[in-house]
C-alpha atoms as a PDB file:
ATOM      1  CA  UNK A   1     183.516 153.557 125.300  1.00  0.00           C
ATOM      2  CA  UNK A   2     184.186 155.096 121.895  1.00  0.00           C
ATOM      3  CA  UNK A   3     185.230 151.758 120.404  1.00  0.00           C
ATOM      4  CA  UNK A   4     182.056 150.132 121.758  1.00  0.00           C
ATOM      5  CA  UNK A   5     179.893 152.872 120.218  1.00  0.00           C
ATOM      6  CA  UNK A   6     181.660 152.521 116.856  1.00  0.00           C
ATOM      7  CA  UNK A   7     181.191 148.753 116.934  1.00  0.00           C
ATOM      8  CA  UNK A   8     177.474 149.145 117.686  1.00  0.00           C
ATOM      9  CA  UNK A   9     177.016 151.655 114.858  1.00  0.00           C
ATOM     10  CA  UNK A  10     178.898 149.376 112.456  1.00  0.00           C
ATOM     11  CA  UNK A  11     176.716 146.429 113.441  1.00  0.00           C
ATOM     12  CA  UNK A  12     173.541 148.482 112.943  1.00  0.00           C
ATOM     13  CA  UNK A  13     174.703 149.669 109.513  1.00  0.00           C
ATOM     14  CA  UNK A  14     175.552 146.117 108.480  1.00  0.00           C
ATOM     15  CA  UNK A  15     172.135 144.854 109.593  1.00  0.00           C
ATOM     16  CA  UNK A  16     170.375 147.675 107.724  1.00  0.00           C
ATOM     17  CA  UNK A  17     172.358 147.014 104.534  1.00  0.00           C
ATOM     18  CA  UNK A  18     171.630 143.298 104.799  1.00  0.00           C
ATOM     19  CA  UNK A  19     167.896 143.568 105.446  1.00  0.00           C
ATOM     20  CA  UNK A  20     167.135 146.924 103.819  1.00  0.00           C
ATOM     21  CA  UNK A  21     165.706 147.364 100.352  1.00  0.00           C
ATOM     22  CA  UNK A  22     167.914 146.853  97.360  1.00  0.00           C
ATOM     23  CA  UNK A  23     168.914 150.105  95.618  1.00  0.00           C
ATOM     24  CA  UNK A  24     168.177 148.766  92.150  1.00  0.00           C
ATOM     25  CA  UNK A  25     164.818 147.410  93.273  1.00  0.00           C
ATOM     26  CA  UNK A  26     163.911 150.722  94.881  1.00  0.00           C
ATOM     27  CA  UNK A  27     164.795 152.644  91.733  1.00  0.00           C
ATOM     28  CA  UNK A  28     162.823 150.224  89.558  1.00  0.00           C
ATOM     29  CA  UNK A  29     159.726 150.474  91.758  1.00  0.00           C
ATOM     30  CA  UNK A  30     159.996 154.249  91.776  1.00  0.00           C
ATOM     31  CA  UNK A  31     160.332 154.290  87.990  1.00  0.00           C
ATOM     32  CA  UNK A  32     157.306 152.055  87.500  1.00  0.00           C
ATOM     33  CA  UNK A  33     155.091 153.903  89.970  1.00  0.00           C
ATOM     34  CA  UNK A  34     156.153 157.462  89.193  1.00  0.00           C
ATOM     35  CA  UNK A  35     154.273 157.655  85.913  1.00  0.00           C
ATOM     36  CA  UNK A  36     151.487 155.650  84.399  1.00  0.00           C
ATOM     37  CA  UNK A  37     152.690 153.595  81.442  1.00  0.00           C
ATOM     38  CA  UNK A  38     151.450 154.361  77.973  1.00  0.00           C
ATOM     39  CA  UNK A  39     149.214 151.870  76.133  1.00  0.00           C
ATOM     40  CA  UNK A  40     152.212 150.753  74.080  1.00  0.00           C
ATOM     41  CA  UNK A  41     154.169 149.982  77.240  1.00  0.00           C
ATOM     42  CA  UNK A  42     151.152 148.200  78.719  1.00  0.00           C
ATOM     43  CA  UNK A  43     150.916 145.981  75.647  1.00  0.00           C
ATOM     44  CA  UNK A  44     154.646 145.255  75.790  1.00  0.00           C
ATOM     45  CA  UNK A  45     154.541 144.406  79.488  1.00  0.00           C
ATOM     46  CA  UNK A  46     151.529 142.144  78.939  1.00  0.00           C
ATOM     47  CA  UNK A  47     153.318 140.387  76.103  1.00  0.00           C
ATOM     48  CA  UNK A  48     156.441 139.878  78.206  1.00  0.00           C
ATOM     49  CA  UNK A  49     154.609 138.687  81.319  1.00  0.00           C
ATOM     50  CA  UNK A  50     151.924 136.627  79.558  1.00  0.00           C
ATOM     51  CA  UNK A  51     153.426 135.300  76.339  1.00  0.00           C
ATOM     52  CA  UNK A  52     151.005 133.572  73.982  1.00  0.00           C
ATOM     53  CA  UNK A  53     152.518 130.949  71.737  1.00  0.00           C
ATOM     54  CA  UNK A  54     150.675 130.405  68.492  1.00  0.00           C
ATOM     55  CA  UNK A  55     150.488 126.667  67.840  1.00  0.00           C
ATOM     56  CA  UNK A  56     152.284 125.570  64.702  1.00  0.00           C
ATOM     57  CA  UNK A  57     150.622 123.190  62.195  1.00  0.00           C
ATOM     58  CA  UNK A  58     152.836 120.358  63.441  1.00  0.00           C
ATOM     59  CA  UNK A  59     151.768 120.943  67.051  1.00  0.00           C
ATOM     60  CA  UNK A  60     148.109 121.139  66.066  1.00  0.00           C
ATOM     61  CA  UNK A  61     148.420 117.876  64.150  1.00  0.00           C
ATOM     62  CA  UNK A  62     150.079 116.229  67.146  1.00  0.00           C
ATOM     63  CA  UNK A  63     147.325 117.529  69.432  1.00  0.00           C
ATOM     64  CA  UNK A  64     144.660 116.088  67.130  1.00  0.00           C
ATOM     65  CA  UNK A  65     146.430 112.725  67.067  1.00  0.00           C
ATOM     66  CA  UNK A  66     146.470 112.576  70.866  1.00  0.00           C
ATOM     67  CA  UNK A  67     142.833 113.659  71.023  1.00  0.00           C
ATOM     68  CA  UNK A  68     141.879 110.956  68.497  1.00  0.00           C
ATOM     69  CA  UNK A  69     143.499 108.294  70.676  1.00  0.00           C
ATOM     70  CA  UNK A  70     141.630 109.548  73.745  1.00  0.00           C
ATOM     71  CA  UNK A  71     138.385 109.697  71.760  1.00  0.00           C
ATOM     72  CA  UNK A  72     138.707 106.083  70.600  1.00  0.00           C
ATOM     73  CA  UNK A  73     139.535 104.910  74.117  1.00  0.00           C
ATOM     74  CA  UNK A  74     136.612 106.821  75.607  1.00  0.00           C
ATOM     75  CA  UNK A  75     134.246 105.566  72.898  1.00  0.00           C
ATOM     76  CA  UNK A  76     135.337 101.968  73.454  1.00  0.00           C
ATOM     77  CA  UNK A  77     134.751 102.360  77.196  1.00  0.00           C
ATOM     78  CA  UNK A  78     131.279 103.842  76.650  1.00  0.00           C
ATOM     79  CA  UNK A  79     130.340 101.040  74.250  1.00  0.00           C
ATOM     80  CA  UNK A  80     131.606  98.421  76.691  1.00  0.00           C
ATOM     81  CA  UNK A  81     129.367  99.981  79.341  1.00  0.00           C
ATOM     82  CA  UNK A  82     126.329  99.129  77.189  1.00  0.00           C
ATOM     83  CA  UNK A  83     125.457 102.493  75.691  1.00  0.00           C
ATOM     84  CA  UNK A  84     124.166 102.905  72.172  1.00  0.00           C
ATOM     85  CA  UNK A  85     126.723 103.953  69.538  1.00  0.00           C
ATOM     86  CA  UNK A  86     125.217 107.430  69.078  1.00  0.00           C
ATOM     87  CA  UNK A  87     125.026 108.121  72.810  1.00  0.00           C
ATOM     88  CA  UNK A  88     128.503 106.677  73.366  1.00  0.00           C
ATOM     89  CA  UNK A  89     130.005 108.857  70.635  1.00  0.00           C
ATOM     90  CA  UNK A  90     128.318 111.998  71.973  1.00  0.00           C
ATOM     91  CA  UNK A  91     129.557 111.322  75.493  1.00  0.00           C
ATOM     92  CA  UNK A  92     133.063 110.496  74.272  1.00  0.00           C
ATOM     93  CA  UNK A  93     133.372 113.694  72.221  1.00  0.00           C
ATOM     94  CA  UNK A  94     132.202 115.882  75.113  1.00  0.00           C
ATOM     95  CA  UNK A  95     134.556 114.130  77.546  1.00  0.00           C
ATOM     96  CA  UNK A  96     137.733 114.497  75.464  1.00  0.00           C
ATOM     97  CA  UNK A  97     139.802 117.701  75.494  1.00  0.00           C
ATOM     98  CA  UNK A  98     139.828 118.514  71.778  1.00  0.00           C
ATOM     99  CA  UNK A  99     142.089 121.165  70.185  1.00  0.00           C
ATOM    100  CA  UNK A 100     139.043 122.653  68.427  1.00  0.00           C
ATOM    101  CA  UNK A 101     135.735 121.361  69.867  1.00  0.00           C
ATOM    102  CA  UNK A 102     133.688 123.336  67.331  1.00  0.00           C
ATOM    103  CA  UNK A 103     135.117 121.185  64.556  1.00  0.00           C
ATOM    104  CA  UNK A 104     133.226 118.093  65.780  1.00  0.00           C
ATOM    105  CA  UNK A 105     129.874 119.760  66.398  1.00  0.00           C
ATOM    106  CA  UNK A 106     128.495 118.381  63.111  1.00  0.00           C
ATOM    107  CA  UNK A 107     129.435 114.899  64.329  1.00  0.00           C
ATOM    108  CA  UNK A 108     127.499 115.389  67.569  1.00  0.00           C
ATOM    109  CA  UNK A 109     124.520 116.720  65.621  1.00  0.00           C
ATOM    110  CA  UNK A 110     124.596 113.741  63.249  1.00  0.00           C
ATOM    111  CA  UNK A 111     124.813 111.280  66.149  1.00  0.00           C
ATOM    112  CA  UNK A 112     121.871 112.847  67.992  1.00  0.00           C
ATOM    113  CA  UNK A 113     119.650 113.279  64.921  1.00  0.00           C
ATOM    114  CA  UNK A 114     120.397 109.916  63.340  1.00  0.00           C
ATOM    115  CA  UNK A 115     122.418 111.368  60.470  1.00  0.00           C
ATOM    116  CA  UNK A 116     125.426 110.035  58.592  1.00  0.00           C
ATOM    117  CA  UNK A 117     128.025 109.930  61.363  1.00  0.00           C
ATOM    118  CA  UNK A 118     130.707 108.422  59.140  1.00  0.00           C
ATOM    119  CA  UNK A 119     130.441 111.239  56.594  1.00  0.00           C
ATOM    120  CA  UNK A 120     130.419 113.844  59.387  1.00  0.00           C
ATOM    121  CA  UNK A 121     133.602 112.371  60.894  1.00  0.00           C
ATOM    122  CA  UNK A 122     135.325 112.300  57.514  1.00  0.00           C
ATOM    123  CA  UNK A 123     134.417 115.883  56.656  1.00  0.00           C
ATOM    124  CA  UNK A 124     135.283 117.188  60.142  1.00  0.00           C
ATOM    125  CA  UNK A 125     138.685 115.480  60.328  1.00  0.00           C
ATOM    126  CA  UNK A 126     141.538 117.991  59.846  1.00  0.00           C
ATOM    127  CA  UNK A 127     143.907 117.483  56.956  1.00  0.00           C
ATOM    128  CA  UNK A 128     146.935 117.102  59.263  1.00  0.00           C
ATOM    129  CA  UNK A 129     146.446 114.917  62.319  1.00  0.00           C
ATOM    130  CA  UNK A 130     142.958 113.662  61.405  1.00  0.00           C
ATOM    131  CA  UNK A 131     143.996 110.109  60.555  1.00  0.00           C
ATOM    132  CA  UNK A 132     142.399 108.757  63.714  1.00  0.00           C
ATOM    133  CA  UNK A 133     139.064 110.411  62.984  1.00  0.00           C
ATOM    134  CA  UNK A 134     139.057 109.055  59.443  1.00  0.00           C
ATOM    135  CA  UNK A 135     139.779 105.554  60.719  1.00  0.00           C
ATOM    136  CA  UNK A 136     136.981 105.958  63.246  1.00  0.00           C
ATOM    137  CA  UNK A 137     134.672 106.968  60.394  1.00  0.00           C
ATOM    138  CA  UNK A 138     135.645 103.798  58.514  1.00  0.00           C
ATOM    139  CA  UNK A 139     134.889 101.708  61.617  1.00  0.00           C
ATOM    140  CA  UNK A 140     131.493 103.371  61.946  1.00  0.00           C
ATOM    141  CA  UNK A 141     130.738 102.696  58.265  1.00  0.00           C
ATOM    142  CA  UNK A 142     131.730  99.027  58.557  1.00  0.00           C
ATOM    143  CA  UNK A 143     129.688  98.610  61.727  1.00  0.00           C
ATOM    144  CA  UNK A 144     126.647 100.207  60.113  1.00  0.00           C
ATOM    145  CA  UNK A 145     126.751  98.335  56.800  1.00  0.00           C
ATOM    146  CA  UNK A 146     128.144  94.939  57.846  1.00  0.00           C
ATOM    147  CA  UNK A 147     126.872  94.798  61.401  1.00  0.00           C
ATOM    148  CA  UNK A 148     130.312  94.251  62.917  1.00  0.00           C
ATOM    149  CA  UNK A 149     130.936  94.972  66.587  1.00  0.00           C
ATOM    150  CA  UNK A 150     131.831  98.652  66.875  1.00  0.00           C
ATOM    151  CA  UNK A 151     133.510  98.278  70.276  1.00  0.00           C
ATOM    152  CA  UNK A 152     136.092  95.761  69.037  1.00  0.00           C
ATOM    153  CA  UNK A 153     136.781  97.807  65.910  1.00  0.00           C
ATOM    154  CA  UNK A 154     137.293 101.016  67.863  1.00  0.00           C
ATOM    155  CA  UNK A 155     139.537  99.214  70.341  1.00  0.00           C
ATOM    156  CA  UNK A 156     141.730  97.963  67.484  1.00  0.00           C
ATOM    157  CA  UNK A 157     141.915 101.459  66.020  1.00  0.00           C
ATOM    158  CA  UNK A 158     142.940 102.864  69.402  1.00  0.00           C
ATOM    159  CA  UNK A 159     145.679 100.227  69.695  1.00  0.00           C
ATOM    160  CA  UNK A 160     146.948 101.049  66.184  1.00  0.00           C
ATOM    161  CA  UNK A 161     146.955 104.785  66.897  1.00  0.00           C
ATOM    162  CA  UNK A 162     148.874 104.281  70.144  1.00  0.00           C
ATOM    163  CA  UNK A 163     151.494 102.190  68.349  1.00  0.00           C
ATOM    164  CA  UNK A 164     151.858 104.831  65.627  1.00  0.00           C
ATOM    165  CA  UNK A 165     152.170 107.560  68.265  1.00  0.00           C
ATOM    166  CA  UNK A 166     154.907 105.638  70.078  1.00  0.00           C
ATOM    167  CA  UNK A 167     156.752 105.129  66.781  1.00  0.00           C
ATOM    168  CA  UNK A 168     156.626 108.851  65.968  1.00  0.00           C
ATOM    169  CA  UNK A 169     157.938 109.745  69.422  1.00  0.00           C
ATOM    170  CA  UNK A 170     160.780 107.233  69.033  1.00  0.00           C
ATOM    171  CA  UNK A 171     161.729 108.636  65.623  1.00  0.00           C
ATOM    172  CA  UNK A 172     161.541 112.213  66.933  1.00  0.00           C
ATOM    173  CA  UNK A 173     163.873 111.336  69.821  1.00  0.00           C
ATOM    174  CA  UNK A 174     166.356 109.719  67.437  1.00  0.00           C
ATOM    175  CA  UNK A 175     166.287 112.747  65.124  1.00  0.00           C
ATOM    176  CA  UNK A 176     166.924 115.243  67.933  1.00  0.00           C
ATOM    177  CA  UNK A 177     170.691 114.703  67.711  1.00  0.00           C
ATOM    178  CA  UNK A 178     171.027 115.173  63.920  1.00  0.00           C
ATOM    179  CA  UNK A 179     168.824 118.272  64.029  1.00  0.00           C
ATOM    180  CA  UNK A 180     170.967 119.839  66.756  1.00  0.00           C
ATOM    181  CA  UNK A 181     174.127 119.001  64.821  1.00  0.00           C
ATOM    182  CA  UNK A 182     172.698 120.604  61.673  1.00  0.00           C
ATOM    183  CA  UNK A 183     171.870 123.813  63.554  1.00  0.00           C
ATOM    184  CA  UNK A 184     175.369 123.925  65.051  1.00  0.00           C
ATOM    185  CA  UNK A 185     176.958 123.454  61.619  1.00  0.00           C
ATOM    186  CA  UNK A 186     174.754 126.219  60.222  1.00  0.00           C
ATOM    187  CA  UNK A 187     176.026 128.593  62.941  1.00  0.00           C
ATOM    188  CA  UNK A 188     179.714 127.798  62.356  1.00  0.00           C
ATOM    189  CA  UNK A 189     180.182 130.440  59.615  1.00  0.00           C
ATOM    190  CA  UNK A 190     179.096 133.160  62.041  1.00  0.00           C
ATOM    191  CA  UNK A 191     181.572 131.793  64.576  1.00  0.00           C
ATOM    192  CA  UNK A 192     184.273 131.931  61.914  1.00  0.00           C
ATOM    193  CA  UNK A 193     183.493 135.600  61.261  1.00  0.00           C
ATOM    194  CA  UNK A 194     183.792 136.354  64.977  1.00  0.00           C
ATOM    195  CA  UNK A 195     187.150 134.574  65.177  1.00  0.00           C
ATOM    196  CA  UNK A 196     188.417 136.429  62.131  1.00  0.00           C
ATOM    197  CA  UNK A 197     187.298 139.751  63.618  1.00  0.00           C
ATOM    198  CA  UNK A 198     189.060 138.867  66.891  1.00  0.00           C
ATOM    199  CA  UNK A 199     192.260 138.300  64.923  1.00  0.00           C
ATOM    200  CA  UNK A 200     191.872 141.796  63.349  1.00  0.00           C
ATOM    201  CA  UNK A 201     191.407 140.394  59.848  1.00  0.00           C
ATOM    202  CA  UNK A 202     188.409 142.641  58.979  1.00  0.00           C
ATOM    203  CA  UNK A 203     186.159 139.963  57.418  1.00  0.00           C
ATOM    204  CA  UNK A 204     183.137 142.265  57.071  1.00  0.00           C
ATOM    205  CA  UNK A 205     185.117 144.758  55.015  1.00  0.00           C
ATOM    206  CA  UNK A 206     186.094 141.981  52.628  1.00  0.00           C
ATOM    207  CA  UNK A 207     182.617 140.450  52.426  1.00  0.00           C
ATOM    208  CA  UNK A 208     180.677 143.695  51.958  1.00  0.00           C
ATOM    209  CA  UNK A 209     183.289 145.905  50.356  1.00  0.00           C
ATOM    210  CA  UNK A 210     184.664 143.812  47.523  1.00  0.00           C
ATOM    211  CA  UNK A 211     183.113 141.889  44.639  1.00  0.00           C
ATOM    212  CA  UNK A 212     184.825 138.563  45.488  1.00  0.00           C
ATOM    213  CA  UNK A 213     183.692 139.016  49.089  1.00  0.00           C
ATOM    214  CA  UNK A 214     180.080 139.573  48.028  1.00  0.00           C
ATOM    215  CA  UNK A 215     180.230 136.476  45.828  1.00  0.00           C
ATOM    216  CA  UNK A 216     181.618 134.415  48.711  1.00  0.00           C
ATOM    217  CA  UNK A 217     178.949 135.799  51.040  1.00  0.00           C
ATOM    218  CA  UNK A 218     176.062 134.988  48.685  1.00  0.00           C
ATOM    219  CA  UNK A 219     177.434 131.512  47.962  1.00  0.00           C
ATOM    220  CA  UNK A 220     177.908 130.800  51.662  1.00  0.00           C
ATOM    221  CA  UNK A 221     174.405 131.952  52.586  1.00  0.00           C
ATOM    222  CA  UNK A 222     172.888 129.910  49.735  1.00  0.00           C
ATOM    223  CA  UNK A 223     174.757 126.761  50.754  1.00  0.00           C
ATOM    224  CA  UNK A 224     173.891 127.273  54.432  1.00  0.00           C
ATOM    225  CA  UNK A 225     170.179 127.709  53.713  1.00  0.00           C
ATOM    226  CA  UNK A 226     170.205 124.765  51.319  1.00  0.00           C
ATOM    227  CA  UNK A 227     171.819 122.549  53.955  1.00  0.00           C
ATOM    228  CA  UNK A 228     169.248 123.506  56.570  1.00  0.00           C
ATOM    229  CA  UNK A 229     166.402 122.922  54.119  1.00  0.00           C
ATOM    230  CA  UNK A 230     167.742 119.528  53.105  1.00  0.00           C
ATOM    231  CA  UNK A 231     168.229 118.410  56.713  1.00  0.00           C
ATOM    232  CA  UNK A 232     164.718 119.535  57.671  1.00  0.00           C
ATOM    233  CA  UNK A 233     163.270 117.759  54.622  1.00  0.00           C
ATOM    234  CA  UNK A 234     165.004 114.492  55.481  1.00  0.00           C
ATOM    235  CA  UNK A 235     163.843 114.693  59.116  1.00  0.00           C
ATOM    236  CA  UNK A 236     160.278 115.427  58.030  1.00  0.00           C
ATOM    237  CA  UNK A 237     160.242 112.499  55.618  1.00  0.00           C
ATOM    238  CA  UNK A 238     161.649 110.211  58.309  1.00  0.00           C
ATOM    239  CA  UNK A 239     158.830 111.171  60.662  1.00  0.00           C
ATOM    240  CA  UNK A 240     156.110 110.740  58.035  1.00  0.00           C
END
């Protein structure tokens, strides 16, 4: 009877430990609910739970290139459907997901009011990533002055932009390996310091405590930074 009771109690304890709340979780919930967080903690928690990544100039340029391709495709489709160039351009701009829609508001205004659409496209095109908009402005100018078919011109521009986009993606994929190798080589000196410290050679005392060590440290940092800069420059020129 006693052994049966002990077995039942052991089984109940095991079930409770298996299905019961975790001790760490319980302590964390108690810590979070015991006191209201300060505004600084609220800001930190919001930043950790909802991170906001600021787009870099390269990402913004890439977003504008993709939007330009979609704009040319949408404009060509609207023109093929029989719409007027101004109406087709207005519909295409409003249908495309632009990185900054406010930047093309002058273009919409010029198209609706009969203004100089080509000049509006040229002035609204961003410096980085606005090649497609500038080519579209050239197509609009040629169509207006020479009477050429705008739909065929825009379709050719869209094809050229897609080919250029595919080439940039191919080059970026080929440069991924050299960039990773350069970062690994740049981190090797830190790995060497860790290995030297593990062997009880006191590398930090030599680097920061003696004049030859400081000279070696400054020379190493300068060469490391120069190598990273040179590798990044070559990769950037290859993608241009």
